[in-house]
């Protein structure tokens, strides 16, 4: 369903670009300038609201480590704008049916299920799956639908995907790797189905304590992601039954306040100079993810809250 919605949006952007190019030319603008504006229009559609998000995040987040000089701020904004354009205008609308990696029945391989975020589908992981994610892993993806459903409603489809991955791979337990809202969906699964089938959970830019921007989105799930809403406050009172590692961005443009990305009971690994969607295409984030997934599993009663802070200098 989401692919169809995004296809319509992508085609409307193209149609608007064509109309503007024709209008500009008829108004006397140089042909090449008019065409350049038309080509850049879809990117501008992403860049403008993202710029507002980054500015808002910078105004709210006054931590010294979150400050960027103007040149770095522009670089992060442009990288996020380009990644957002590729994900929402190319991969998710038109490439969502890309084939999954072949699952090998070998219980010694890490079994990993990838959970996407709000207004996304499995294609948000396409770049990593095609370039960098280890072939020695058994990896599966899922589409969390309906798009605007209650977060708790995703528990059943996650359960089915986990059981299918376990059966085909021979693994007793799987690792859940979750971007944004996917981390809340994973927690809903654990509350609904238990933790016996899950080894650990890695969340990437998940609004565990909500985000101020959720008020401007549509759906039952976005109401559950509002900053300090009842849903996230109730979740904050629970201690998760498996190991959680929270990947968080010092310069995330969508999860604000940025401390919302971290659970008190989890290890926190911070990244700098990377935007929200760009985290799913970052080589730096992927390298750390590979390290984390391939760690020996810690017993739950020995897990403590650790904070490993990373920045772009690492």
Protein backbone atom coordinates (compact mmCIF):
# COMPACT_ATOMS: atom_id res chain seq x y z
CA UNK A 1 0.00 0.00 0.00
CA UNK A 2 2.74 2.48 0.93
CA UNK A 3 4.50 1.89 -2.38
CA UNK A 4 1.36 2.97 -4.25
CA UNK A 5 1.01 6.10 -2.11
CA UNK A 6 4.62 7.07 -2.73
CA UNK A 7 4.35 6.33 -6.46
CA UNK A 8 1.45 8.77 -6.73
CA UNK A 9 3.41 11.39 -4.82
CA UNK A 10 6.50 10.85 -6.96
CA UNK A 11 4.52 11.14 -10.20
CA UNK A 12 2.77 14.29 -8.96
CA UNK A 13 6.15 15.86 -8.24
CA UNK A 14 7.30 15.04 -11.77
CA UNK A 15 4.10 16.45 -13.25
CA UNK A 16 4.46 19.64 -11.22
CA UNK A 17 8.08 19.96 -12.31
CA UNK A 18 7.08 19.66 -15.98
CA UNK A 19 4.32 22.25 -15.59
CA UNK A 20 6.71 24.68 -13.90
CA UNK A 21 9.39 24.20 -16.56
CA UNK A 22 6.88 24.95 -19.33
CA UNK A 23 5.53 27.96 -17.43
CA UNK A 24 9.01 29.34 -16.74
CA UNK A 25 10.00 28.98 -20.40
CA UNK A 26 6.80 30.65 -21.55
CA UNK A 27 7.54 33.47 -19.09
CA UNK A 28 10.86 34.11 -20.80
CA UNK A 29 13.24 32.22 -18.52
CA UNK A 30 16.32 30.65 -20.12
CA UNK A 31 15.52 27.05 -21.11
CA UNK A 32 18.44 25.49 -19.23
CA UNK A 33 17.68 27.40 -16.03
CA UNK A 34 14.03 26.35 -16.22
CA UNK A 35 15.00 22.71 -16.75
CA UNK A 36 17.48 22.86 -13.84
CA UNK A 37 14.76 24.15 -11.53
CA UNK A 38 12.41 21.38 -12.70
CA UNK A 39 15.03 18.70 -12.11
CA UNK A 40 15.81 20.02 -8.64
CA UNK A 41 12.17 20.40 -7.60
CA UNK A 42 11.70 16.85 -6.16
CA UNK A 43 14.87 17.29 -4.11
CA UNK A 44 13.70 20.71 -2.92
CA UNK A 45 10.41 19.15 -1.79
CA UNK A 46 12.44 17.05 0.66
CA UNK A 47 15.10 19.62 1.50
CA UNK A 48 12.83 22.44 2.73
CA UNK A 49 10.94 20.54 5.48
CA UNK A 50 14.15 18.75 6.46
CA UNK A 51 15.83 22.10 6.88
CA UNK A 52 13.05 23.18 9.23
CA UNK A 53 13.52 19.97 11.21
CA UNK A 54 17.27 20.49 11.55
CA UNK A 55 16.83 24.11 12.65
CA UNK A 56 14.21 23.08 15.22
CA UNK A 57 16.47 20.32 16.52
CA UNK A 58 19.38 22.74 16.88
CA UNK A 59 17.23 25.25 18.78
CA UNK A 60 15.97 22.61 21.22
CA UNK A 61 19.18 20.60 21.62
CA UNK A 62 21.68 22.89 23.33
CA UNK A 63 24.26 20.24 24.22
CA UNK A 64 27.77 21.30 23.14
CA UNK A 65 28.29 18.02 21.29
CA UNK A 66 25.21 18.70 19.16
CA UNK A 67 26.52 22.00 17.82
CA UNK A 68 27.71 22.16 14.21
CA UNK A 69 29.51 24.86 12.31
CA UNK A 70 27.55 26.21 9.32
CA UNK A 71 29.48 24.20 6.72
CA UNK A 72 28.99 20.90 8.53
CA UNK A 73 25.32 21.72 9.15
CA UNK A 74 24.77 22.27 5.43
CA UNK A 75 26.58 19.03 4.60
CA UNK A 76 24.42 17.02 7.01
CA UNK A 77 21.26 18.68 5.64
CA UNK A 78 22.20 18.00 2.00
CA UNK A 79 23.14 14.39 2.73
CA UNK A 80 19.84 13.81 4.53
CA UNK A 81 17.92 15.52 1.70
CA UNK A 82 19.55 13.30 -0.93
CA UNK A 83 19.06 10.10 1.09
CA UNK A 84 15.43 11.06 1.74
CA UNK A 85 14.87 11.69 -1.97
CA UNK A 86 16.33 8.29 -2.94
CA UNK A 87 14.36 6.41 -0.27
CA UNK A 88 10.98 8.09 -0.79
CA UNK A 89 11.08 8.77 -4.55
CA UNK A 90 13.01 5.79 -5.87
CA UNK A 91 13.55 2.83 -3.55
CA UNK A 92 10.28 2.65 -1.62
CA UNK A 93 7.87 3.46 -4.47
CA UNK A 94 9.59 1.52 -7.25
CA UNK A 95 11.97 -1.03 -5.71
CA UNK A 96 10.02 -2.37 -2.74
CA UNK A 97 9.78 -5.84 -4.31
CA UNK A 98 13.54 -6.38 -4.48
CA UNK A 99 14.46 -10.01 -3.65
CA UNK A 100 15.44 -10.92 -0.12
CA UNK A 101 18.81 -12.59 0.49
CA UNK A 102 18.66 -16.38 0.39
CA UNK A 103 18.19 -17.93 3.82
CA UNK A 104 20.56 -20.79 4.61
CA UNK A 105 19.54 -23.41 7.16
CA UNK A 106 22.52 -22.91 9.46
CA UNK A 107 21.92 -22.13 13.12
CA UNK A 108 25.48 -20.79 13.51
CA UNK A 109 24.68 -17.78 11.33
CA UNK A 110 23.20 -14.64 12.90
CA UNK A 111 19.52 -14.44 12.06
CA UNK A 112 18.44 -10.82 11.65
CA UNK A 113 15.00 -9.33 11.05
CA UNK A 114 14.93 -5.72 9.82
CA UNK A 115 12.04 -3.51 10.95
CA UNK A 116 11.49 -0.17 9.21
CA UNK A 117 9.99 3.04 10.54
CA UNK A 118 6.95 5.23 9.97
CA UNK A 119 5.92 5.90 6.35
CA UNK A 120 8.57 3.44 5.19
CA UNK A 121 8.70 -0.09 3.85
CA UNK A 122 11.32 -2.81 3.52
CA UNK A 123 13.09 -0.92 0.72
CA UNK A 124 14.62 1.49 3.26
CA UNK A 125 17.13 -1.35 3.86
CA UNK A 126 17.88 -1.97 0.18
CA UNK A 127 21.19 -0.08 0.13
CA UNK A 128 22.65 -1.99 3.06
CA UNK A 129 21.36 -5.33 1.79
CA UNK A 130 22.86 -4.78 -1.64
CA UNK A 131 26.11 -3.27 -0.42
CA UNK A 132 27.71 -4.15 2.89
CA UNK A 133 25.43 -6.31 5.03
CA UNK A 134 27.31 -9.59 5.57
CA UNK A 135 26.42 -12.55 3.35
CA UNK A 136 27.15 -14.74 6.39
CA UNK A 137 23.97 -13.47 8.04
CA UNK A 138 20.48 -14.80 7.48
CA UNK A 139 18.52 -11.59 6.93
CA UNK A 140 14.80 -11.06 6.43
CA UNK A 141 12.68 -7.93 6.04
CA UNK A 142 9.07 -7.04 6.76
CA UNK A 143 6.51 -4.44 5.73
CA UNK A 144 4.73 -3.05 8.80
CA UNK A 145 1.17 -2.48 7.64
CA UNK A 146 -1.36 -0.89 7.78
CA UNK A 147 0.74 2.24 7.42
CA UNK A 148 -1.19 4.30 9.98
CA UNK A 149 -2.07 1.52 12.44
CA UNK A 150 -1.63 1.41 16.18
CA UNK A 151 1.97 0.38 16.97
CA UNK A 152 0.73 -2.62 18.97
CA UNK A 153 -1.05 -3.92 15.86
CA UNK A 154 2.31 -4.76 14.26
CA UNK A 155 3.14 -7.42 16.88
CA UNK A 156 1.41 -10.25 15.04
CA UNK A 157 3.12 -9.68 11.68
CA UNK A 158 6.49 -9.36 13.44
CA UNK A 159 5.77 -12.64 15.22
CA UNK A 160 5.00 -14.38 11.94
CA UNK A 161 8.19 -13.04 10.33
CA UNK A 162 10.31 -14.12 13.29
CA UNK A 163 8.87 -17.62 13.27
CA UNK A 164 9.37 -17.91 9.51
CA UNK A 165 13.00 -16.76 9.84
CA UNK A 166 13.64 -19.20 12.68
CA UNK A 167 12.16 -22.09 10.74
CA UNK A 168 14.09 -21.39 7.54
CA UNK A 169 17.42 -20.55 9.23
CA UNK A 170 17.41 -23.07 12.07
CA UNK A 171 18.18 -20.28 14.55
CA UNK A 172 16.70 -20.50 18.02
CA UNK A 173 16.66 -16.73 18.46
CA UNK A 174 16.87 -13.74 16.12
CA UNK A 175 18.23 -10.23 16.39
CA UNK A 176 15.81 -7.41 15.65
CA UNK A 177 17.32 -4.37 13.92
CA UNK A 178 14.83 -1.54 13.95
CA UNK A 179 14.79 1.95 12.49
CA UNK A 180 12.71 4.70 14.08
CA UNK A 181 9.13 3.51 14.80
CA UNK A 182 10.29 -0.07 14.16
CA UNK A 183 11.92 -0.02 17.61
CA UNK A 184 8.56 0.71 19.26
CA UNK A 185 6.98 -2.06 17.17
CA UNK A 186 9.66 -4.47 18.40
CA UNK A 187 8.85 -3.54 21.99
CA UNK A 188 5.16 -4.11 21.25
CA UNK A 189 6.06 -7.58 19.97
CA UNK A 190 8.00 -8.40 23.15
CA UNK A 191 5.05 -7.37 25.32
CA UNK A 192 2.59 -9.36 23.23
CA UNK A 193 4.53 -12.54 22.36
CA UNK A 194 7.34 -12.74 24.89
CA UNK A 195 11.11 -12.71 24.41
CA UNK A 196 12.06 -16.37 23.98
CA UNK A 197 12.63 -15.99 20.22
CA UNK A 198 14.68 -12.77 20.44
CA UNK A 199 18.40 -12.60 21.25
CA UNK A 200 18.79 -8.79 21.25
CA UNK A 201 17.26 -5.66 19.81
CA UNK A 202 19.15 -2.86 18.08
CA UNK A 203 17.16 0.34 17.63
CA UNK A 204 18.31 3.10 15.28
CA UNK A 205 16.94 6.60 15.90
CA UNK A 206 13.85 5.21 17.65
CA UNK A 207 11.71 7.81 19.49
CA UNK A 208 11.54 5.75 22.69
CA UNK A 209 10.35 8.82 24.59
CA UNK A 210 8.58 10.40 21.62
CA UNK A 211 9.32 13.34 19.35
CA UNK A 212 7.84 16.82 19.00
CA UNK A 213 7.38 16.27 15.26
CA UNK A 214 4.88 13.42 15.74
CA UNK A 215 2.18 16.04 16.27
CA UNK A 216 2.43 17.01 12.61
CA UNK A 217 1.97 13.49 11.14
CA UNK A 218 -1.08 11.32 10.53
CA UNK A 219 -2.09 8.03 12.09
CA UNK A 220 -2.68 6.22 15.38
CA UNK A 221 1.00 5.29 15.46
CA UNK A 222 2.11 8.94 15.33
CA UNK A 223 -0.11 9.79 18.31
CA UNK A 224 1.82 7.11 20.20
CA UNK A 225 5.12 8.76 19.24
CA UNK A 226 4.34 12.22 20.56
CA UNK A 227 6.87 13.48 23.04
CA UNK A 228 6.08 12.38 26.60
CA UNK A 229 2.65 11.04 25.61
CA UNK A 230 0.98 8.40 27.79
CA UNK A 231 2.09 5.58 25.50
CA UNK A 232 5.83 6.31 25.72
CA UNK A 233 5.61 7.21 29.42
CA UNK A 234 4.08 3.81 30.10
CA UNK A 235 6.80 2.11 28.05
CA UNK A 236 9.49 3.98 29.99
CA UNK A 237 8.37 2.27 33.18
CA UNK A 238 9.10 -1.18 31.73
CA UNK A 239 12.46 -2.91 31.78
CA UNK A 240 12.97 -4.82 28.56
CA UNK A 241 13.55 -8.59 28.93
CA UNK A 242 16.36 -8.80 26.34
CA UNK A 243 19.51 -6.84 25.57
CA UNK A 244 18.80 -3.49 23.91
CA UNK A 245 21.36 -1.37 22.09
CA UNK A 246 20.22 2.10 21.03
CA UNK A 247 21.96 3.73 18.07
CA UNK A 248 21.32 7.46 18.39
CA UNK A 249 22.18 10.54 16.38
CA UNK A 250 23.52 13.74 17.93
CA UNK A 251 22.16 15.56 14.86
CA UNK A 252 19.00 13.57 14.16
CA UNK A 253 16.48 15.86 12.50
CA UNK A 254 13.29 13.96 13.30
CA UNK A 255 13.61 12.64 16.86
CA UNK A 256 13.63 15.75 19.03
CA UNK A 257 14.56 15.93 21.89
CA UNK A 258 17.43 13.74 20.76
CA UNK A 259 17.78 12.06 24.16
CA UNK A 260 14.48 10.37 23.32
CA UNK A 261 16.43 7.88 21.22
CA UNK A 262 17.91 6.15 24.29
CA UNK A 263 16.39 3.76 26.82
CA UNK A 264 17.62 3.92 30.41
CA UNK A 265 18.12 0.14 30.44
CA UNK A 266 20.06 0.07 27.16
CA UNK A 267 23.55 0.62 25.86
CA UNK A 268 23.71 3.86 23.90
CA UNK A 269 25.95 4.28 20.88
CA UNK A 270 25.97 7.83 19.54
CA UNK A 271 26.80 9.01 16.02
CA UNK A 272 27.49 12.50 14.80
CA UNK A 273 26.79 14.38 11.56
CA UNK A 274 24.18 11.91 10.28
CA UNK A 275 20.48 12.61 9.72
CA UNK A 276 17.51 10.41 10.51
CA UNK A 277 17.02 8.55 7.20
CA UNK A 278 20.72 8.80 6.36
CA UNK A 279 21.44 6.49 9.30
CA UNK A 280 20.01 3.62 7.21
CA UNK A 281 22.57 4.22 4.47
CA UNK A 282 25.65 5.12 6.52
CA UNK A 283 28.76 2.96 6.21
CA UNK A 284 29.79 4.05 9.69
CA UNK A 285 26.50 2.93 11.22
CA UNK A 286 26.56 -0.35 9.29
CA UNK A 287 30.10 -1.14 10.47
CA UNK A 288 29.06 -0.67 14.09
CA UNK A 289 25.87 -2.66 13.51
CA UNK A 290 27.88 -5.61 12.20
CA UNK A 291 30.09 -5.47 15.29
CA UNK A 292 27.09 -5.35 17.63
CA UNK A 293 25.11 -8.13 15.94
CA UNK A 294 28.11 -10.47 16.02
CA UNK A 295 28.89 -9.94 19.71
CA UNK A 296 28.35 -12.87 22.06
CA UNK A 297 24.90 -12.64 23.62
CA UNK A 298 25.03 -11.30 27.17
CA UNK A 299 22.89 -12.84 29.89
CA UNK A 300 20.05 -10.45 30.70
CA UNK A 301 20.91 -10.23 34.39
CA UNK A 302 24.39 -8.97 33.53
CA UNK A 303 23.24 -6.23 31.18
CA UNK A 304 23.80 -2.74 32.53
CA UNK A 305 23.23 0.67 31.06
CA UNK A 306 26.34 1.64 29.19
CA UNK A 307 27.00 4.68 27.08
CA UNK A 308 29.42 4.46 24.19
CA UNK A 309 29.56 7.81 22.48
CA UNK A 310 30.70 8.08 18.91
CA UNK A 311 31.18 11.12 16.74
CA UNK A 312 32.39 11.74 13.27
CA UNK A 313 36.00 11.81 14.41
CA UNK A 314 35.93 8.07 15.12
